[in-house]
């Protein structure tokens, strides 16, 4: 294990709505760890708007992370690759990753990548910060694909929260501890 000072190797889930400050707060937490810090990016540049979002994230995290692993489908592989090198792994974002699974595989009851990711998360000996969106508090989506995504995201978030030592709900840029404790 890497020397992280007083930080204990743990899994932290950072959850909240769009533009709630999840990624920024997660990156601030990662800075508390010694280098090397590894960022696992799940977004795919599928359109111009996503290209711009990815570029903004890259600019904001420049100098914070020693490496970025771009992995849109196999988070278990990314965790395995990063774990031998990193003091902390930041995964941003699992709901984007879930959207990738839906895009590449279509509507399925189960995606093989999900249990593989959860298993890798459970067995990782380094600290992992996982960023995700809460999508279940809005309106019921009008179409089956959107309802499927919302349901899958809710179940995935529950599974990660069960594994996590710490769950932080982000509201308007303010971290609210849900599980475990945080230093504000």
C-alpha atoms as a PDB file:
ATOM      1  CA  UNK A   1       0.000   0.000   0.000  1.00  0.00           C
ATOM      2  CA  UNK A   2       1.031   3.547  -0.615  1.00  0.00           C
ATOM      3  CA  UNK A   3       1.712   5.976   2.175  1.00  0.00           C
ATOM      4  CA  UNK A   4      -1.343   8.178   2.439  1.00  0.00           C
ATOM      5  CA  UNK A   5      -0.493   9.763   5.768  1.00  0.00           C
ATOM      6  CA  UNK A   6      -3.511   9.512   8.025  1.00  0.00           C
ATOM      7  CA  UNK A   7      -5.863   8.605   5.190  1.00  0.00           C
ATOM      8  CA  UNK A   8      -7.190   5.058   5.363  1.00  0.00           C
ATOM      9  CA  UNK A   9      -7.594   3.100   2.152  1.00  0.00           C
ATOM     10  CA  UNK A  10     -11.339   3.142   1.581  1.00  0.00           C
ATOM     11  CA  UNK A  11     -14.096   3.431  -0.992  1.00  0.00           C
ATOM     12  CA  UNK A  12     -15.895   6.767  -1.101  1.00  0.00           C
ATOM     13  CA  UNK A  13     -19.077   7.239  -3.120  1.00  0.00           C
ATOM     14  CA  UNK A  14     -19.821  10.845  -4.109  1.00  0.00           C
ATOM     15  CA  UNK A  15     -23.424  11.183  -5.281  1.00  0.00           C
ATOM     16  CA  UNK A  16     -25.599  14.108  -6.264  1.00  0.00           C
ATOM     17  CA  UNK A  17     -27.511  15.777  -9.034  1.00  0.00           C
ATOM     18  CA  UNK A  18     -26.189  17.513 -12.123  1.00  0.00           C
ATOM     19  CA  UNK A  19     -23.831  20.407 -11.365  1.00  0.00           C
ATOM     20  CA  UNK A  20     -23.920  19.676  -7.632  1.00  0.00           C
ATOM     21  CA  UNK A  21     -20.120  19.857  -7.289  1.00  0.00           C
ATOM     22  CA  UNK A  22     -19.471  16.102  -7.206  1.00  0.00           C
ATOM     23  CA  UNK A  23     -16.407  15.993  -9.433  1.00  0.00           C
ATOM     24  CA  UNK A  24     -14.777  19.083  -7.954  1.00  0.00           C
ATOM     25  CA  UNK A  25     -15.224  17.813  -4.393  1.00  0.00           C
ATOM     26  CA  UNK A  26     -13.962  14.332  -5.351  1.00  0.00           C
ATOM     27  CA  UNK A  27     -10.865  15.862  -6.954  1.00  0.00           C
ATOM     28  CA  UNK A  28     -10.244  17.935  -3.805  1.00  0.00           C
ATOM     29  CA  UNK A  29     -10.386  14.738  -1.757  1.00  0.00           C
ATOM     30  CA  UNK A  30      -7.936  13.004  -4.087  1.00  0.00           C
ATOM     31  CA  UNK A  31      -5.394  15.817  -3.536  1.00  0.00           C
ATOM     32  CA  UNK A  32      -5.090  14.652   0.078  1.00  0.00           C
ATOM     33  CA  UNK A  33      -3.346  11.509  -1.191  1.00  0.00           C
ATOM     34  CA  UNK A  34       0.280  11.264  -2.243  1.00  0.00           C
ATOM     35  CA  UNK A  35       1.094  10.837  -5.915  1.00  0.00           C
ATOM     36  CA  UNK A  36       0.551   8.822  -7.954  1.00  0.00           C
ATOM     37  CA  UNK A  37      -3.141   9.641  -8.221  1.00  0.00           C
ATOM     38  CA  UNK A  38      -4.987   8.022 -11.105  1.00  0.00           C
ATOM     39  CA  UNK A  39      -8.142   9.363 -12.723  1.00  0.00           C
ATOM     40  CA  UNK A  40     -10.406   6.894 -14.541  1.00  0.00           C
ATOM     41  CA  UNK A  41     -12.508   8.758 -17.096  1.00  0.00           C
ATOM     42  CA  UNK A  42     -15.575   6.986 -18.451  1.00  0.00           C
ATOM     43  CA  UNK A  43     -16.928   9.543 -20.931  1.00  0.00           C
ATOM     44  CA  UNK A  44     -16.768   8.939 -24.654  1.00  0.00           C
ATOM     45  CA  UNK A  45     -16.536  11.946 -27.005  1.00  0.00           C
ATOM     46  CA  UNK A  46     -19.673  11.017 -28.940  1.00  0.00           C
ATOM     47  CA  UNK A  47     -20.716  14.570 -29.867  1.00  0.00           C
ATOM     48  CA  UNK A  48     -19.334  18.111 -29.756  1.00  0.00           C
ATOM     49  CA  UNK A  49     -20.989  18.941 -26.443  1.00  0.00           C
ATOM     50  CA  UNK A  50     -19.380  15.885 -24.788  1.00  0.00           C
ATOM     51  CA  UNK A  51     -16.011  16.791 -26.345  1.00  0.00           C
ATOM     52  CA  UNK A  52     -16.287  20.195 -24.649  1.00  0.00           C
ATOM     53  CA  UNK A  53     -17.303  18.663 -21.292  1.00  0.00           C
ATOM     54  CA  UNK A  54     -14.362  16.253 -21.417  1.00  0.00           C
ATOM     55  CA  UNK A  55     -11.958  19.104 -22.245  1.00  0.00           C
ATOM     56  CA  UNK A  56     -13.268  21.155 -19.297  1.00  0.00           C
ATOM     57  CA  UNK A  57     -12.746  18.212 -16.926  1.00  0.00           C
ATOM     58  CA  UNK A  58      -9.237  17.672 -18.310  1.00  0.00           C
ATOM     59  CA  UNK A  59      -8.318  21.330 -17.759  1.00  0.00           C
ATOM     60  CA  UNK A  60      -9.668  21.338 -14.208  1.00  0.00           C
ATOM     61  CA  UNK A  61      -7.781  18.233 -13.132  1.00  0.00           C
ATOM     62  CA  UNK A  62      -4.483  19.111 -14.869  1.00  0.00           C
ATOM     63  CA  UNK A  63      -1.607  18.699 -12.444  1.00  0.00           C
ATOM     64  CA  UNK A  64      -3.715  16.866  -9.848  1.00  0.00           C
ATOM     65  CA  UNK A  65      -3.456  13.380 -11.338  1.00  0.00           C
ATOM     66  CA  UNK A  66      -0.325  11.677 -12.587  1.00  0.00           C
ATOM     67  CA  UNK A  67      -2.275   9.559 -15.060  1.00  0.00           C
ATOM     68  CA  UNK A  68      -5.683   9.349 -16.705  1.00  0.00           C
ATOM     69  CA  UNK A  69      -7.079   6.014 -17.830  1.00  0.00           C
ATOM     70  CA  UNK A  70      -9.873   6.419 -20.352  1.00  0.00           C
ATOM     71  CA  UNK A  71     -12.129   3.395 -19.980  1.00  0.00           C
ATOM     72  CA  UNK A  72     -15.719   3.594 -21.217  1.00  0.00           C
ATOM     73  CA  UNK A  73     -16.701  -0.066 -20.618  1.00  0.00           C
ATOM     74  CA  UNK A  74     -14.386  -2.186 -18.448  1.00  0.00           C
ATOM     75  CA  UNK A  75     -13.968  -0.443 -15.112  1.00  0.00           C
ATOM     76  CA  UNK A  76     -12.763  -3.686 -13.532  1.00  0.00           C
ATOM     77  CA  UNK A  77      -9.774  -3.666 -15.889  1.00  0.00           C
ATOM     78  CA  UNK A  78      -9.084   0.008 -15.177  1.00  0.00           C
ATOM     79  CA  UNK A  79      -9.148  -0.590 -11.416  1.00  0.00           C
ATOM     80  CA  UNK A  80      -6.824  -3.582 -11.745  1.00  0.00           C
ATOM     81  CA  UNK A  81      -4.418  -1.571 -13.877  1.00  0.00           C
ATOM     82  CA  UNK A  82      -4.451   1.461 -11.585  1.00  0.00           C
ATOM     83  CA  UNK A  83      -4.370  -0.366  -8.243  1.00  0.00           C
ATOM     84  CA  UNK A  84      -0.767  -1.494  -8.567  1.00  0.00           C
ATOM     85  CA  UNK A  85       0.392   2.079  -9.196  1.00  0.00           C
ATOM     86  CA  UNK A  86      -1.918   4.482  -7.363  1.00  0.00           C
ATOM     87  CA  UNK A  87      -2.417   5.783  -3.853  1.00  0.00           C
ATOM     88  CA  UNK A  88      -5.939   6.805  -4.908  1.00  0.00           C
ATOM     89  CA  UNK A  89      -8.143   6.077  -7.907  1.00  0.00           C
ATOM     90  CA  UNK A  90     -10.904   8.509  -8.853  1.00  0.00           C
ATOM     91  CA  UNK A  91     -13.619   7.128 -11.147  1.00  0.00           C
ATOM     92  CA  UNK A  92     -15.743   9.788 -12.830  1.00  0.00           C
ATOM     93  CA  UNK A  93     -18.519   8.925 -13.499  1.00  0.00           C
ATOM     94  CA  UNK A  94     -20.342   5.600 -13.129  1.00  0.00           C
ATOM     95  CA  UNK A  95     -23.652   6.880 -14.496  1.00  0.00           C
ATOM     96  CA  UNK A  96     -21.856   7.986 -17.663  1.00  0.00           C
ATOM     97  CA  UNK A  97     -20.291   4.503 -17.711  1.00  0.00           C
ATOM     98  CA  UNK A  98     -23.742   2.940 -17.326  1.00  0.00           C
ATOM     99  CA  UNK A  99     -24.954   5.045 -20.260  1.00  0.00           C
ATOM    100  CA  UNK A 100     -22.037   3.638 -22.284  1.00  0.00           C
ATOM    101  CA  UNK A 101     -23.118   0.088 -21.414  1.00  0.00           C
ATOM    102  CA  UNK A 102     -26.674   0.862 -22.509  1.00  0.00           C
ATOM    103  CA  UNK A 103     -25.410   2.497 -25.716  1.00  0.00           C
ATOM    104  CA  UNK A 104     -23.104  -0.414 -26.628  1.00  0.00           C
ATOM    105  CA  UNK A 105     -25.270  -3.335 -25.411  1.00  0.00           C
ATOM    106  CA  UNK A 106     -28.833  -2.042 -25.519  1.00  0.00           C
ATOM    107  CA  UNK A 107     -31.472  -2.740 -22.884  1.00  0.00           C
ATOM    108  CA  UNK A 108     -30.494  -5.822 -20.886  1.00  0.00           C
ATOM    109  CA  UNK A 109     -31.573  -7.095 -17.496  1.00  0.00           C
ATOM    110  CA  UNK A 110     -27.934  -7.574 -16.533  1.00  0.00           C
ATOM    111  CA  UNK A 111     -24.650  -6.224 -17.838  1.00  0.00           C
ATOM    112  CA  UNK A 112     -21.630  -8.486 -17.218  1.00  0.00           C
ATOM    113  CA  UNK A 113     -19.469  -5.422 -16.644  1.00  0.00           C
ATOM    114  CA  UNK A 114     -21.400  -4.384 -13.510  1.00  0.00           C
ATOM    115  CA  UNK A 115     -20.644  -7.392 -11.263  1.00  0.00           C
ATOM    116  CA  UNK A 116     -17.056  -7.360 -12.554  1.00  0.00           C
ATOM    117  CA  UNK A 117     -16.740  -3.682 -11.545  1.00  0.00           C
ATOM    118  CA  UNK A 118     -18.313  -4.262  -8.126  1.00  0.00           C
ATOM    119  CA  UNK A 119     -15.974  -7.199  -7.490  1.00  0.00           C
ATOM    120  CA  UNK A 120     -12.927  -5.116  -8.469  1.00  0.00           C
ATOM    121  CA  UNK A 121     -14.132  -2.307  -6.206  1.00  0.00           C
ATOM    122  CA  UNK A 122     -14.539  -4.699  -3.255  1.00  0.00           C
ATOM    123  CA  UNK A 123     -11.083  -6.194  -3.669  1.00  0.00           C
ATOM    124  CA  UNK A 124      -9.098  -3.023  -4.431  1.00  0.00           C
ATOM    125  CA  UNK A 125      -6.474  -2.326  -1.768  1.00  0.00           C
ATOM    126  CA  UNK A 126      -6.089   1.335  -2.708  1.00  0.00           C
ATOM    127  CA  UNK A 127      -8.510   4.114  -1.940  1.00  0.00           C
ATOM    128  CA  UNK A 128     -11.153   4.618  -4.605  1.00  0.00           C
ATOM    129  CA  UNK A 129     -13.393   7.656  -5.000  1.00  0.00           C
ATOM    130  CA  UNK A 130     -16.434   6.956  -7.166  1.00  0.00           C
ATOM    131  CA  UNK A 131     -18.530   9.781  -8.622  1.00  0.00           C
ATOM    132  CA  UNK A 132     -22.136   9.085  -9.632  1.00  0.00           C
ATOM    133  CA  UNK A 133     -25.356  10.919 -10.369  1.00  0.00           C
ATOM    134  CA  UNK A 134     -28.565  10.549  -8.418  1.00  0.00           C
ATOM    135  CA  UNK A 135     -31.170  10.161 -11.149  1.00  0.00           C
ATOM    136  CA  UNK A 136     -34.133   8.777  -9.225  1.00  0.00           C
ATOM    137  CA  UNK A 137     -35.454  11.955  -7.656  1.00  0.00           C
ATOM    138  CA  UNK A 138     -36.909  13.541 -10.778  1.00  0.00           C
ATOM    139  CA  UNK A 139     -39.915  12.788 -12.896  1.00  0.00           C
ATOM    140  CA  UNK A 140     -40.618   9.251 -14.044  1.00  0.00           C
ATOM    141  CA  UNK A 141     -39.080   9.091 -17.531  1.00  0.00           C
ATOM    142  CA  UNK A 142     -41.551   8.880 -20.401  1.00  0.00           C
ATOM    143  CA  UNK A 143     -39.806   6.179 -22.443  1.00  0.00           C
ATOM    144  CA  UNK A 144     -38.741   2.601 -21.597  1.00  0.00           C
ATOM    145  CA  UNK A 145     -35.027   3.149 -22.319  1.00  0.00           C
ATOM    146  CA  UNK A 146     -34.833   6.123 -19.948  1.00  0.00           C
ATOM    147  CA  UNK A 147     -36.776   4.257 -17.242  1.00  0.00           C
ATOM    148  CA  UNK A 148     -34.406   1.296 -17.684  1.00  0.00           C
ATOM    149  CA  UNK A 149     -31.392   3.600 -17.279  1.00  0.00           C
ATOM    150  CA  UNK A 150     -32.884   5.244 -14.174  1.00  0.00           C
ATOM    151  CA  UNK A 151     -33.623   1.842 -12.602  1.00  0.00           C
ATOM    152  CA  UNK A 152     -30.176   0.442 -13.430  1.00  0.00           C
ATOM    153  CA  UNK A 153     -28.487   3.576 -12.052  1.00  0.00           C
ATOM    154  CA  UNK A 154     -30.470   3.347  -8.824  1.00  0.00           C
ATOM    155  CA  UNK A 155     -29.556  -0.305  -8.309  1.00  0.00           C
ATOM    156  CA  UNK A 156     -25.915   0.349  -9.195  1.00  0.00           C
ATOM    157  CA  UNK A 157     -25.713   3.284  -6.779  1.00  0.00           C
ATOM    158  CA  UNK A 158     -27.211   1.127  -4.015  1.00  0.00           C
ATOM    159  CA  UNK A 159     -24.646  -1.618  -4.671  1.00  0.00           C
ATOM    160  CA  UNK A 160     -21.727   0.833  -4.584  1.00  0.00           C
ATOM    161  CA  UNK A 161     -23.094   2.470  -1.407  1.00  0.00           C
ATOM    162  CA  UNK A 162     -23.165  -0.950   0.280  1.00  0.00           C
ATOM    163  CA  UNK A 163     -19.481  -1.465  -0.551  1.00  0.00           C
ATOM    164  CA  UNK A 164     -18.457   2.111   0.284  1.00  0.00           C
ATOM    165  CA  UNK A 165     -16.977   3.062   3.629  1.00  0.00           C
ATOM    166  CA  UNK A 166     -18.116   6.619   3.045  1.00  0.00           C
ATOM    167  CA  UNK A 167     -21.048   8.069   1.061  1.00  0.00           C
ATOM    168  CA  UNK A 168     -21.218  11.818   0.481  1.00  0.00           C
ATOM    169  CA  UNK A 169     -24.300  13.546  -0.962  1.00  0.00           C
ATOM    170  CA  UNK A 170     -23.440  16.765  -2.791  1.00  0.00           C
ATOM    171  CA  UNK A 171     -26.014  19.545  -2.623  1.00  0.00           C
ATOM    172  CA  UNK A 172     -25.222  22.915  -4.252  1.00  0.00           C
ATOM    173  CA  UNK A 173     -21.498  22.322  -3.760  1.00  0.00           C
ATOM    174  CA  UNK A 174     -21.901  21.334  -0.104  1.00  0.00           C
ATOM    175  CA  UNK A 175     -20.860  17.815   0.967  1.00  0.00           C
ATOM    176  CA  UNK A 176     -23.388  16.109   3.250  1.00  0.00           C
ATOM    177  CA  UNK A 177     -22.154  12.894   4.883  1.00  0.00           C
ATOM    178  CA  UNK A 178     -24.607  10.003   4.455  1.00  0.00           C
ATOM    179  CA  UNK A 179     -22.367   7.108   5.543  1.00  0.00           C
ATOM    180  CA  UNK A 180     -19.097   7.413   7.411  1.00  0.00           C
ATOM    181  CA  UNK A 181     -17.679  10.789   8.326  1.00  0.00           C
ATOM    182  CA  UNK A 182     -15.953  13.503   6.351  1.00  0.00           C
ATOM    183  CA  UNK A 183     -13.739  16.399   7.274  1.00  0.00           C
ATOM    184  CA  UNK A 184     -15.377  19.592   6.064  1.00  0.00           C
END
